[in-house]
């Protein structure tokens, strides 16, 4: 059975688990949503979405300086308890995120962080590109939304493809951590410095 993007999206919305894990479990379950959820539970994935509302007041500030000394990153990653913040796997997660930021140069943490005026400008530019195309307005709007998704994938940390695994996004990496440690975990902010000529 072909697993459609819509099926994966539905399972992701129901579970809060990363797209690739949802796709794999749907393939294993032959497209059956309930079976896929059961498979995810057996693999130990928690409902990451359930954890998202819990306060994350602990965490770490991570840093990464690229070997040439011309790119540096500071990132704040929060979790719920000091116990998890001191865990080696959490420290490694923070380091991986800092390295990713150095390499991929995101501008925002998540789509919700993109200022409205930036999105309005992007929409205006995309619509302008299609003004002479004679496409119906509703088709143009679908194209606009599709291109905005690409914009998020380029400029929003959580939507970027993870530099060490092109089958997952940064948000999937964090979701895996949440599933394992059963704590809300989130990137609060980051800053990336780069020496330019």
Protein backbone atom coordinates (compact mmCIF):
# COMPACT_ATOMS: atom_id res chain seq x y z
CA UNK A 1 0.00 0.00 0.00
CA UNK A 2 1.21 3.51 -0.85
CA UNK A 3 1.63 5.70 2.23
CA UNK A 4 0.50 9.20 1.32
CA UNK A 5 1.76 12.46 2.82
CA UNK A 6 -1.77 13.04 4.13
CA UNK A 7 -1.68 9.74 6.07
CA UNK A 8 1.71 10.62 7.57
CA UNK A 9 0.48 14.12 8.47
CA UNK A 10 -2.60 12.71 10.21
CA UNK A 11 -0.52 10.27 12.28
CA UNK A 12 1.96 13.01 13.15
CA UNK A 13 -0.87 15.28 14.32
CA UNK A 14 -2.32 12.46 16.43
CA UNK A 15 0.97 11.45 18.04
CA UNK A 16 3.34 14.43 17.87
CA UNK A 17 6.04 12.05 16.62
CA UNK A 18 8.42 12.87 13.75
CA UNK A 19 7.40 12.44 10.11
CA UNK A 20 9.93 9.70 9.27
CA UNK A 21 8.98 7.55 12.27
CA UNK A 22 5.29 8.01 11.41
CA UNK A 23 5.95 6.99 7.80
CA UNK A 24 7.93 3.90 8.85
CA UNK A 25 5.26 2.78 11.30
CA UNK A 26 2.50 3.30 8.69
CA UNK A 27 4.45 1.22 6.18
CA UNK A 28 4.87 -1.51 8.81
CA UNK A 29 1.15 -1.30 9.67
CA UNK A 30 0.01 -1.40 6.04
CA UNK A 31 -1.51 2.08 6.34
CA UNK A 32 -3.63 1.29 9.43
CA UNK A 33 -3.47 4.35 11.75
CA UNK A 34 -4.33 2.48 14.98
CA UNK A 35 -1.79 -0.28 14.26
CA UNK A 36 0.82 2.39 13.45
CA UNK A 37 0.19 4.06 16.83
CA UNK A 38 0.58 0.68 18.54
CA UNK A 39 3.88 0.10 16.69
CA UNK A 40 5.15 3.52 17.79
CA UNK A 41 4.16 2.80 21.40
CA UNK A 42 5.97 -0.57 21.30
CA UNK A 43 9.08 1.24 20.07
CA UNK A 44 8.85 3.49 23.14
CA UNK A 45 7.75 6.72 21.50
CA UNK A 46 5.81 8.94 23.88
CA UNK A 47 3.17 11.38 22.74
CA UNK A 48 5.51 14.33 22.34
CA UNK A 49 2.52 16.62 21.80
CA UNK A 50 1.28 15.80 25.32
CA UNK A 51 4.55 17.09 26.74
CA UNK A 52 4.58 20.36 24.78
CA UNK A 53 2.47 22.28 27.33
CA UNK A 54 4.60 21.33 30.30
CA UNK A 55 6.96 23.98 31.68
CA UNK A 56 10.59 23.63 30.64
CA UNK A 57 12.54 25.83 33.08
CA UNK A 58 15.77 23.84 33.21
CA UNK A 59 18.24 23.24 30.40
CA UNK A 60 21.61 24.26 29.05
CA UNK A 61 23.32 26.91 27.03
CA UNK A 62 25.39 25.18 24.38
CA UNK A 63 28.13 26.62 22.24
CA UNK A 64 29.94 25.61 19.11
CA UNK A 65 32.88 27.27 17.39
CA UNK A 66 33.57 26.04 13.87
CA UNK A 67 37.14 24.81 13.35
CA UNK A 68 38.15 27.84 11.31
CA UNK A 69 37.12 30.10 14.21
CA UNK A 70 34.95 32.27 11.96
CA UNK A 71 31.53 30.87 12.94
CA UNK A 72 30.25 30.63 16.50
CA UNK A 73 26.88 29.64 17.98
CA UNK A 74 25.19 29.97 21.36
CA UNK A 75 21.92 28.07 21.81
CA UNK A 76 19.52 27.69 24.74
CA UNK A 77 17.75 24.33 24.94
CA UNK A 78 15.28 23.83 27.78
CA UNK A 79 13.89 20.76 29.51
CA UNK A 80 11.79 20.16 32.64
CA UNK A 81 14.31 18.89 35.18
CA UNK A 82 17.88 19.48 36.26
CA UNK A 83 18.34 15.69 36.15
CA UNK A 84 17.74 15.61 32.38
CA UNK A 85 19.71 18.85 31.80
CA UNK A 86 22.80 17.15 33.25
CA UNK A 87 22.31 13.93 31.27
CA UNK A 88 25.04 13.20 28.71
CA UNK A 89 22.47 12.62 25.97
CA UNK A 90 20.90 16.04 26.60
CA UNK A 91 24.36 17.65 26.49
CA UNK A 92 24.98 15.86 23.18
CA UNK A 93 21.58 16.99 21.83
CA UNK A 94 22.44 20.62 22.63
CA UNK A 95 25.84 20.23 20.96
CA UNK A 96 24.28 18.69 17.83
CA UNK A 97 21.76 21.53 17.59
CA UNK A 98 24.54 24.13 17.96
CA UNK A 99 26.58 22.41 15.21
CA UNK A 100 23.50 22.31 12.98
CA UNK A 101 22.91 26.05 13.49
CA UNK A 102 26.55 26.76 12.58
CA UNK A 103 26.24 24.75 9.36
CA UNK A 104 22.67 25.58 8.24
CA UNK A 105 22.41 29.23 9.39
CA UNK A 106 18.70 29.34 10.32
CA UNK A 107 17.21 32.75 11.13
CA UNK A 108 14.29 31.66 13.36
CA UNK A 109 13.55 28.79 15.73
CA UNK A 110 10.09 27.93 14.34
CA UNK A 111 7.60 29.20 11.72
CA UNK A 112 5.66 30.97 14.49
CA UNK A 113 8.76 33.13 15.13
CA UNK A 114 8.86 34.58 11.61
CA UNK A 115 7.62 38.20 11.81
CA UNK A 116 4.31 38.81 10.02
CA UNK A 117 5.83 41.53 7.84
CA UNK A 118 8.47 39.08 6.53
CA UNK A 119 5.76 36.54 5.64
CA UNK A 120 3.62 39.22 4.01
CA UNK A 121 6.60 40.31 1.91
CA UNK A 122 7.32 36.69 0.88
CA UNK A 123 3.67 36.17 -0.11
CA UNK A 124 3.73 39.38 -2.12
CA UNK A 125 6.91 38.34 -3.98
CA UNK A 126 5.51 34.88 -4.80
CA UNK A 127 2.16 36.26 -5.99
CA UNK A 128 4.01 38.77 -8.17
CA UNK A 129 5.90 35.88 -9.83
CA UNK A 130 2.58 34.31 -10.89
CA UNK A 131 0.54 37.42 -11.73
CA UNK A 132 0.82 36.83 -15.51
CA UNK A 133 0.44 33.04 -15.34
CA UNK A 134 -3.36 33.03 -15.88
CA UNK A 135 -3.65 30.49 -13.04
CA UNK A 136 -6.83 30.68 -10.93
CA UNK A 137 -6.43 32.62 -7.66
CA UNK A 138 -6.97 29.51 -5.52
CA UNK A 139 -4.17 27.67 -7.37
CA UNK A 140 -1.85 30.64 -6.90
CA UNK A 141 -2.65 30.62 -3.16
CA UNK A 142 -1.78 26.90 -2.95
CA UNK A 143 1.51 27.66 -4.69
CA UNK A 144 2.13 30.52 -2.24
CA UNK A 145 1.58 28.21 0.74
CA UNK A 146 3.81 25.53 -0.81
CA UNK A 147 6.60 28.05 -1.34
CA UNK A 148 6.17 29.33 2.23
CA UNK A 149 6.71 25.75 3.43
CA UNK A 150 10.00 25.79 1.50
CA UNK A 151 10.81 29.17 3.10
CA UNK A 152 10.27 27.64 6.58
CA UNK A 153 12.46 24.66 5.65
CA UNK A 154 15.25 27.04 4.66
CA UNK A 155 15.07 29.60 7.48
CA UNK A 156 13.42 27.92 10.53
CA UNK A 157 15.64 25.69 12.64
CA UNK A 158 12.96 23.14 13.56
CA UNK A 159 11.87 22.71 9.93
CA UNK A 160 15.38 22.30 8.51
CA UNK A 161 16.69 18.90 7.44
CA UNK A 162 19.13 17.78 10.13
CA UNK A 163 22.73 18.02 8.86
CA UNK A 164 23.70 14.57 10.17
CA UNK A 165 20.62 12.72 8.87
CA UNK A 166 18.85 13.88 5.74
CA UNK A 167 15.82 11.71 6.56
CA UNK A 168 14.85 13.79 9.59
CA UNK A 169 14.20 17.38 10.49
CA UNK A 170 15.67 19.05 13.59
CA UNK A 171 12.21 18.88 15.22
CA UNK A 172 12.25 15.07 14.72
CA UNK A 173 15.60 14.89 16.52
CA UNK A 174 14.07 16.76 19.48
CA UNK A 175 10.90 14.63 19.36
CA UNK A 176 13.01 11.47 19.64
CA UNK A 177 14.65 12.92 22.74
CA UNK A 178 11.24 13.80 24.22
CA UNK A 179 10.01 10.28 23.52
CA UNK A 180 12.99 8.77 25.33
CA UNK A 181 13.17 11.05 28.36
CA UNK A 182 9.45 11.87 28.70
CA UNK A 183 10.13 15.58 29.20
CA UNK A 184 9.19 18.65 27.23
CA UNK A 185 12.33 19.78 25.44
CA UNK A 186 12.59 22.89 23.28
CA UNK A 187 15.00 25.29 21.67
CA UNK A 188 14.23 28.70 23.18
CA UNK A 189 16.67 30.89 21.28
CA UNK A 190 20.00 30.98 19.55
CA UNK A 191 22.51 33.42 18.13
CA UNK A 192 24.95 32.69 15.30
CA UNK A 193 28.01 34.82 14.72
CA UNK A 194 30.00 34.79 11.51
CA UNK A 195 33.04 36.82 10.51
CA UNK A 196 32.48 38.14 7.00
CA UNK A 197 34.75 40.11 4.76
